[in-house]
């Protein structure tokens, strides 16, 4: 059984990795930047090891998650 450390709002890179694992290359850089924050928030809350609460989110957190997701996507294009 794999044990995953809990992920919270400031764990941008971990969240980005989870989102990339979920969507892979189907979500390109331009698509990631077009995701509505309300949708992104729901996807983050669906991550199994995520322990943050909806009330803990902020636009700043969501922007950082989005940009880290793009970096993760770019890293996997090589």
PDB file of N, CA and C in Angstrom:
ATOM      1  N   UNK A   1       0.843  -1.190   0.000  1.00  0.00           N
ATOM      2  CA  UNK A   1       0.000   0.000   0.000  1.00  0.00           C
ATOM      3  C   UNK A   1       0.885   1.248   0.000  1.00  0.00           C
ATOM      4  N   UNK A   2       0.623   2.137  -0.925  1.00  0.00           N
ATOM      5  CA  UNK A   2       1.394   3.377  -1.000  1.00  0.00           C
ATOM      6  C   UNK A   2       0.818   4.396  -0.045  1.00  0.00           C
ATOM      7  N   UNK A   3       1.699   5.057   0.696  1.00  0.00           N
ATOM      8  CA  UNK A   3       1.260   6.145   1.561  1.00  0.00           C
ATOM      9  C   UNK A   3       1.732   7.442   0.946  1.00  0.00           C
ATOM     10  N   UNK A   4       0.805   8.350   0.742  1.00  0.00           N
ATOM     11  CA  UNK A   4       1.175   9.647   0.178  1.00  0.00           C
ATOM     12  C   UNK A   4       1.067  10.706   1.257  1.00  0.00           C
ATOM     13  N   UNK A   5       2.040  11.595   1.274  1.00  0.00           N
ATOM     14  CA  UNK A   5       1.977  12.708   2.219  1.00  0.00           C
ATOM     15  C   UNK A   5       0.799  13.601   1.851  1.00  0.00           C
ATOM     16  N   UNK A   6       0.185  14.210   2.856  1.00  0.00           N
ATOM     17  CA  UNK A   6      -0.926  15.116   2.560  1.00  0.00           C
ATOM     18  C   UNK A   6      -0.450  16.325   1.750  1.00  0.00           C
ATOM     19  N   UNK A   7      -1.282  16.757   0.834  1.00  0.00           N
ATOM     20  CA  UNK A   7      -0.989  17.915  -0.008  1.00  0.00           C
ATOM     21  C   UNK A   7      -1.901  19.049   0.428  1.00  0.00           C
ATOM     22  N   UNK A   8      -1.332  20.250   0.537  1.00  0.00           N
ATOM     23  CA  UNK A   8      -2.120  21.415   0.923  1.00  0.00           C
ATOM     24  C   UNK A   8      -1.962  22.515  -0.131  1.00  0.00           C
ATOM     25  N   UNK A   9      -2.630  23.641   0.092  1.00  0.00           N
ATOM     26  CA  UNK A   9      -2.693  24.710  -0.918  1.00  0.00           C
ATOM     27  C   UNK A   9      -1.336  25.202  -1.393  1.00  0.00           C
ATOM     28  N   UNK A  10      -0.344  25.241  -0.530  1.00  0.00           N
ATOM     29  CA  UNK A  10       0.950  25.805  -0.940  1.00  0.00           C
ATOM     30  C   UNK A  10       1.874  24.768  -1.585  1.00  0.00           C
ATOM     31  N   UNK A  11       1.415  23.543  -1.734  1.00  0.00           N
ATOM     32  CA  UNK A  11       2.218  22.495  -2.367  1.00  0.00           C
ATOM     33  C   UNK A  11       1.978  22.497  -3.881  1.00  0.00           C
ATOM     34  N   UNK A  12       2.319  23.622  -4.503  1.00  0.00           N
ATOM     35  CA  UNK A  12       1.981  23.856  -5.912  1.00  0.00           C
ATOM     36  C   UNK A  12       2.529  22.786  -6.844  1.00  0.00           C
ATOM     37  N   UNK A  13       3.787  22.419  -6.636  1.00  0.00           N
ATOM     38  CA  UNK A  13       4.406  21.443  -7.538  1.00  0.00           C
ATOM     39  C   UNK A  13       3.731  20.079  -7.399  1.00  0.00           C
ATOM     40  N   UNK A  14       3.434  19.667  -6.164  1.00  0.00           N
ATOM     41  CA  UNK A  14       2.765  18.378  -5.945  1.00  0.00           C
ATOM     42  C   UNK A  14       1.384  18.367  -6.590  1.00  0.00           C
ATOM     43  N   UNK A  15       0.659  19.462  -6.463  1.00  0.00           N
ATOM     44  CA  UNK A  15      -0.668  19.557  -7.081  1.00  0.00           C
ATOM     45  C   UNK A  15      -0.530  19.489  -8.596  1.00  0.00           C
ATOM     46  N   UNK A  16       0.449  20.208  -9.139  1.00  0.00           N
ATOM     47  CA  UNK A  16       0.666  20.212 -10.586  1.00  0.00           C
ATOM     48  C   UNK A  16       0.967  18.811 -11.105  1.00  0.00           C
ATOM     49  N   UNK A  17       1.773  18.074 -10.376  1.00  0.00           N
ATOM     50  CA  UNK A  17       2.103  16.697 -10.776  1.00  0.00           C
ATOM     51  C   UNK A  17       0.835  15.848 -10.796  1.00  0.00           C
ATOM     52  N   UNK A  18       0.003  15.990  -9.773  1.00  0.00           N
ATOM     53  CA  UNK A  18      -1.248  15.217  -9.707  1.00  0.00           C
ATOM     54  C   UNK A  18      -2.176  15.579 -10.869  1.00  0.00           C
ATOM     55  N   UNK A  19      -2.259  16.859 -11.190  1.00  0.00           N
ATOM     56  CA  UNK A  19      -3.103  17.277 -12.308  1.00  0.00           C
ATOM     57  C   UNK A  19      -2.553  16.750 -13.625  1.00  0.00           C
ATOM     58  N   UNK A  20      -1.231  16.787 -13.779  1.00  0.00           N
ATOM     59  CA  UNK A  20      -0.633  16.241 -15.000  1.00  0.00           C
ATOM     60  C   UNK A  20      -0.882  14.738 -15.083  1.00  0.00           C
ATOM     61  N   UNK A  21      -0.757  14.030 -13.949  1.00  0.00           N
ATOM     62  CA  UNK A  21      -1.020  12.591 -13.950  1.00  0.00           C
ATOM     63  C   UNK A  21      -2.465  12.308 -14.357  1.00  0.00           C
ATOM     64  N   UNK A  22      -3.381  13.166 -13.941  1.00  0.00           N
ATOM     65  CA  UNK A  22      -4.790  12.958 -14.257  1.00  0.00           C
ATOM     66  C   UNK A  22      -5.107  13.256 -15.727  1.00  0.00           C
ATOM     67  N   UNK A  23      -4.584  14.365 -16.251  1.00  0.00           N
ATOM     68  CA  UNK A  23      -4.962  14.819 -17.591  1.00  0.00           C
ATOM     69  C   UNK A  23      -3.907  14.574 -18.663  1.00  0.00           C
ATOM     70  N   UNK A  24      -2.665  14.350 -18.253  1.00  0.00           N
ATOM     71  CA  UNK A  24      -1.601  14.088 -19.209  1.00  0.00           C
ATOM     72  C   UNK A  24      -1.484  15.169 -20.260  1.00  0.00           C
ATOM     73  N   UNK A  25      -1.209  14.751 -21.493  1.00  0.00           N
ATOM     74  CA  UNK A  25      -0.992  15.698 -22.583  1.00  0.00           C
ATOM     75  C   UNK A  25      -2.289  16.186 -23.203  1.00  0.00           C
ATOM     76  N   UNK A  26      -3.412  15.666 -22.728  1.00  0.00           N
ATOM     77  CA  UNK A  26      -4.717  16.125 -23.223  1.00  0.00           C
ATOM     78  C   UNK A  26      -4.909  17.612 -22.900  1.00  0.00           C
ATOM     79  N   UNK A  27      -4.342  18.044 -21.777  1.00  0.00           N
ATOM     80  CA  UNK A  27      -4.402  19.463 -21.400  1.00  0.00           C
ATOM     81  C   UNK A  27      -3.092  20.114 -21.826  1.00  0.00           C
ATOM     82  N   UNK A  28      -3.131  20.829 -22.935  1.00  0.00           N
ATOM     83  CA  UNK A  28      -1.946  21.524 -23.426  1.00  0.00           C
ATOM     84  C   UNK A  28      -1.765  22.829 -22.641  1.00  0.00           C
ATOM     85  N   UNK A  29      -0.643  23.485 -22.879  1.00  0.00           N
ATOM     86  CA  UNK A  29      -0.365  24.739 -22.173  1.00  0.00           C
ATOM     87  C   UNK A  29      -1.505  25.742 -22.345  1.00  0.00           C
ATOM     88  N   UNK A  30      -1.964  25.922 -23.577  1.00  0.00           N
ATOM     89  CA  UNK A  30      -3.028  26.908 -23.806  1.00  0.00           C
ATOM     90  C   UNK A  30      -4.333  26.493 -23.131  1.00  0.00           C
ATOM     91  N   UNK A  31      -4.622  25.192 -23.109  1.00  0.00           N
ATOM     92  CA  UNK A  31      -5.836  24.723 -22.431  1.00  0.00           C
ATOM     93  C   UNK A  31      -5.745  24.918 -20.927  1.00  0.00           C
ATOM     94  N   UNK A  32      -4.564  24.661 -20.365  1.00  0.00           N
ATOM     95  CA  UNK A  32      -4.382  24.841 -18.921  1.00  0.00           C
ATOM     96  C   UNK A  32      -4.642  26.297 -18.541  1.00  0.00           C
ATOM     97  N   UNK A  33      -4.112  27.225 -19.334  1.00  0.00           N
ATOM     98  CA  UNK A  33      -4.301  28.644 -19.028  1.00  0.00           C
ATOM     99  C   UNK A  33      -5.740  29.111 -19.248  1.00  0.00           C
ATOM    100  N   UNK A  34      -6.547  28.319 -19.958  1.00  0.00           N
ATOM    101  CA  UNK A  34      -7.944  28.696 -20.163  1.00  0.00           C
ATOM    102  C   UNK A  34      -8.900  28.055 -19.162  1.00  0.00           C
ATOM    103  N   UNK A  35      -8.382  27.199 -18.275  1.00  0.00           N
ATOM    104  CA  UNK A  35      -9.245  26.559 -17.270  1.00  0.00           C
ATOM    105  C   UNK A  35      -9.768  27.630 -16.314  1.00  0.00           C
ATOM    106  N   UNK A  36     -11.072  27.632 -16.111  1.00  0.00           N
ATOM    107  CA  UNK A  36     -11.664  28.569 -15.144  1.00  0.00           C
ATOM    108  C   UNK A  36     -11.205  28.193 -13.742  1.00  0.00           C
ATOM    109  N   UNK A  37     -10.980  29.190 -12.904  1.00  0.00           N
ATOM    110  CA  UNK A  37     -10.519  28.920 -11.542  1.00  0.00           C
ATOM    111  C   UNK A  37     -11.532  28.091 -10.763  1.00  0.00           C
ATOM    112  N   UNK A  38     -12.822  28.263 -11.044  1.00  0.00           N
ATOM    113  CA  UNK A  38     -13.825  27.453 -10.347  1.00  0.00           C
ATOM    114  C   UNK A  38     -13.637  25.976 -10.687  1.00  0.00           C
ATOM    115  N   UNK A  39     -13.328  25.669 -11.950  1.00  0.00           N
ATOM    116  CA  UNK A  39     -13.077  24.286 -12.363  1.00  0.00           C
ATOM    117  C   UNK A  39     -11.785  23.764 -11.766  1.00  0.00           C
ATOM    118  N   UNK A  40     -10.730  24.587 -11.805  1.00  0.00           N
ATOM    119  CA  UNK A  40      -9.442  24.198 -11.246  1.00  0.00           C
ATOM    120  C   UNK A  40      -9.585  23.886  -9.755  1.00  0.00           C
ATOM    121  N   UNK A  41     -10.327  24.708  -9.053  1.00  0.00           N
ATOM    122  CA  UNK A  41     -10.564  24.503  -7.624  1.00  0.00           C
ATOM    123  C   UNK A  41     -11.200  23.137  -7.382  1.00  0.00           C
ATOM    124  N   UNK A  42     -12.219  22.807  -8.165  1.00  0.00           N
ATOM    125  CA  UNK A  42     -12.876  21.500  -8.014  1.00  0.00           C
ATOM    126  C   UNK A  42     -11.894  20.358  -8.268  1.00  0.00           C
ATOM    127  N   UNK A  43     -11.074  20.476  -9.310  1.00  0.00           N
ATOM    128  CA  UNK A  43     -10.105  19.421  -9.627  1.00  0.00           C
ATOM    129  C   UNK A  43      -9.089  19.238  -8.506  1.00  0.00           C
ATOM    130  N   UNK A  44      -8.632  20.345  -7.930  1.00  0.00           N
ATOM    131  CA  UNK A  44      -7.668  20.256  -6.823  1.00  0.00           C
ATOM    132  C   UNK A  44      -8.313  19.542  -5.648  1.00  0.00           C
ATOM    133  N   UNK A  45      -9.543  19.905  -5.329  1.00  0.00           N
ATOM    134  CA  UNK A  45     -10.233  19.292  -4.191  1.00  0.00           C
ATOM    135  C   UNK A  45     -10.489  17.800  -4.403  1.00  0.00           C
ATOM    136  N   UNK A  46     -10.494  17.337  -5.661  1.00  0.00           N
ATOM    137  CA  UNK A  46     -10.697  15.918  -5.974  1.00  0.00           C
ATOM    138  C   UNK A  46      -9.429  15.082  -5.833  1.00  0.00           C
ATOM    139  N   UNK A  47      -8.269  15.715  -5.666  1.00  0.00           N
ATOM    140  CA  UNK A  47      -7.013  14.974  -5.513  1.00  0.00           C
ATOM    141  C   UNK A  47      -7.083  14.192  -4.198  1.00  0.00           C
ATOM    142  N   UNK A  48      -6.842  12.892  -4.299  1.00  0.00           N
ATOM    143  CA  UNK A  48      -7.039  11.999  -3.162  1.00  0.00           C
ATOM    144  C   UNK A  48      -6.266  12.410  -1.908  1.00  0.00           C
ATOM    145  N   UNK A  49      -5.018  12.798  -2.058  1.00  0.00           N
ATOM    146  CA  UNK A  49      -4.189  13.123  -0.889  1.00  0.00           C
ATOM    147  C   UNK A  49      -4.266  14.608  -0.509  1.00  0.00           C
ATOM    148  N   UNK A  50      -5.159  15.358  -1.157  1.00  0.00           N
ATOM    149  CA  UNK A  50      -5.286  16.785  -0.856  1.00  0.00           C
ATOM    150  C   UNK A  50      -6.094  16.979   0.425  1.00  0.00           C
ATOM    151  N   UNK A  51      -5.539  17.763   1.367  1.00  0.00           N
ATOM    152  CA  UNK A  51      -6.198  17.952   2.665  1.00  0.00           C
ATOM    153  C   UNK A  51      -6.716  19.370   2.867  1.00  0.00           C
ATOM    154  N   UNK A  52      -6.397  20.269   1.935  1.00  0.00           N
ATOM    155  CA  UNK A  52      -6.854  21.655   2.073  1.00  0.00           C
ATOM    156  C   UNK A  52      -8.370  21.752   1.942  1.00  0.00           C
ATOM    157  N   UNK A  53      -8.909  22.835   2.433  1.00  0.00           N
ATOM    158  CA  UNK A  53     -10.351  23.085   2.358  1.00  0.00           C
ATOM    159  C   UNK A  53     -10.620  24.160   1.313  1.00  0.00           C
ATOM    160  N   UNK A  54     -11.823  24.111   0.746  1.00  0.00           N
ATOM    161  CA  UNK A  54     -12.233  25.095  -0.254  1.00  0.00           C
ATOM    162  C   UNK A  54     -11.991  26.517   0.253  1.00  0.00           C
ATOM    163  N   UNK A  55     -12.299  26.760   1.515  1.00  0.00           N
ATOM    164  CA  UNK A  55     -12.158  28.108   2.098  1.00  0.00           C
ATOM    165  C   UNK A  55     -10.702  28.571   2.144  1.00  0.00           C
ATOM    166  N   UNK A  56      -9.765  27.632   2.070  1.00  0.00           N
ATOM    167  CA  UNK A  56      -8.347  27.981   2.137  1.00  0.00           C
ATOM    168  C   UNK A  56      -7.761  28.409   0.803  1.00  0.00           C
ATOM    169  N   UNK A  57      -8.548  28.283  -0.247  1.00  0.00           N
ATOM    170  CA  UNK A  57      -8.023  28.633  -1.567  1.00  0.00           C
ATOM    171  C   UNK A  57      -8.029  30.145  -1.766  1.00  0.00           C
ATOM    172  N   UNK A  58      -7.196  30.591  -2.679  1.00  0.00           N
ATOM    173  CA  UNK A  58      -7.166  32.009  -3.039  1.00  0.00           C
ATOM    174  C   UNK A  58      -6.802  32.091  -4.517  1.00  0.00           C
ATOM    175  N   UNK A  59      -7.041  33.236  -5.090  1.00  0.00           N
ATOM    176  CA  UNK A  59      -6.667  33.428  -6.489  1.00  0.00           C
ATOM    177  C   UNK A  59      -5.165  33.223  -6.665  1.00  0.00           C
ATOM    178  N   UNK A  60      -4.390  33.682  -5.706  1.00  0.00           N
ATOM    179  CA  UNK A  60      -2.938  33.503  -5.760  1.00  0.00           C
ATOM    180  C   UNK A  60      -2.535  32.038  -5.785  1.00  0.00           C
ATOM    181  N   UNK A  61      -3.176  31.226  -4.931  1.00  0.00           N
ATOM    182  CA  UNK A  61      -2.889  29.785  -4.934  1.00  0.00           C
ATOM    183  C   UNK A  61      -3.232  29.182  -6.293  1.00  0.00           C
ATOM    184  N   UNK A  62      -4.388  29.524  -6.817  1.00  0.00           N
ATOM    185  CA  UNK A  62      -4.832  28.943  -8.083  1.00  0.00           C
ATOM    186  C   UNK A  62      -3.929  29.370  -9.240  1.00  0.00           C
ATOM    187  N   UNK A  63      -3.455  30.612  -9.218  1.00  0.00           N
ATOM    188  CA  UNK A  63      -2.515  31.066 -10.251  1.00  0.00           C
ATOM    189  C   UNK A  63      -1.210  30.286 -10.185  1.00  0.00           C
ATOM    190  N   UNK A  64      -0.722  30.058  -8.975  1.00  0.00           N
ATOM    191  CA  UNK A  64       0.531  29.309  -8.808  1.00  0.00           C
ATOM    192  C   UNK A  64       0.360  27.852  -9.233  1.00  0.00           C
ATOM    193  N   UNK A  65      -0.781  27.264  -8.903  1.00  0.00           N
ATOM    194  CA  UNK A  65      -1.066  25.889  -9.316  1.00  0.00           C
ATOM    195  C   UNK A  65      -1.088  25.815 -10.838  1.00  0.00           C
ATOM    196  N   UNK A  66      -1.764  26.761 -11.453  1.00  0.00           N
ATOM    197  CA  UNK A  66      -1.885  26.788 -12.913  1.00  0.00           C
ATOM    198  C   UNK A  66      -0.511  26.901 -13.572  1.00  0.00           C
ATOM    199  N   UNK A  67       0.318  27.815 -13.101  1.00  0.00           N
ATOM    200  CA  UNK A  67       1.631  27.980 -13.735  1.00  0.00           C
ATOM    201  C   UNK A  67       2.527  26.767 -13.481  1.00  0.00           C
ATOM    202  N   UNK A  68       2.449  26.164 -12.295  1.00  0.00           N
ATOM    203  CA  UNK A  68       3.233  24.958 -12.031  1.00  0.00           C
ATOM    204  C   UNK A  68       2.763  23.792 -12.884  1.00  0.00           C
ATOM    205  N   UNK A  69       1.468  23.728 -13.136  1.00  0.00           N
ATOM    206  CA  UNK A  69       0.933  22.685 -14.016  1.00  0.00           C
ATOM    207  C   UNK A  69       1.499  22.859 -15.422  1.00  0.00           C
ATOM    208  N   UNK A  70       1.577  24.088 -15.903  1.00  0.00           N
ATOM    209  CA  UNK A  70       2.168  24.349 -17.224  1.00  0.00           C
ATOM    210  C   UNK A  70       3.632  23.919 -17.239  1.00  0.00           C
ATOM    211  N   UNK A  71       4.389  24.240 -16.175  1.00  0.00           N
ATOM    212  CA  UNK A  71       5.799  23.827 -16.123  1.00  0.00           C
ATOM    213  C   UNK A  71       5.898  22.304 -16.151  1.00  0.00           C
ATOM    214  N   UNK A  72       5.016  21.628 -15.424  1.00  0.00           N
ATOM    215  CA  UNK A  72       5.003  20.163 -15.402  1.00  0.00           C
ATOM    216  C   UNK A  72       4.699  19.624 -16.798  1.00  0.00           C
ATOM    217  N   UNK A  73       3.730  20.210 -17.480  1.00  0.00           N
ATOM    218  CA  UNK A  73       3.383  19.797 -18.835  1.00  0.00           C
ATOM    219  C   UNK A  73       4.587  19.988 -19.765  1.00  0.00           C
ATOM    220  N   UNK A  74       5.235  21.157 -19.666  1.00  0.00           N
ATOM    221  CA  UNK A  74       6.404  21.437 -20.514  1.00  0.00           C
ATOM    222  C   UNK A  74       7.523  20.426 -20.263  1.00  0.00           C
ATOM    223  N   UNK A  75       7.765  20.110 -18.987  1.00  0.00           N
ATOM    224  CA  UNK A  75       8.827  19.150 -18.647  1.00  0.00           C
ATOM    225  C   UNK A  75       8.580  17.793 -19.271  1.00  0.00           C
ATOM    226  N   UNK A  76       7.342  17.454 -19.500  1.00  0.00           N
ATOM    227  CA  UNK A  76       7.005  16.149 -20.045  1.00  0.00           C
ATOM    228  C   UNK A  76       6.894  16.132 -21.564  1.00  0.00           C
ATOM    229  N   UNK A  77       7.211  17.248 -22.213  1.00  0.00           N
ATOM    230  CA  UNK A  77       7.126  17.321 -23.674  1.00  0.00           C
ATOM    231  C   UNK A  77       8.451  17.013 -24.354  1.00  0.00           C
ATOM    232  N   UNK A  78       9.494  16.806 -23.599  1.00  0.00           N
ATOM    233  CA  UNK A  78      10.831  16.582 -24.183  1.00  0.00           C
ATOM    234  C   UNK A  78      11.051  15.164 -24.634  1.00  0.00           C
TER     235      UNK A  78
END
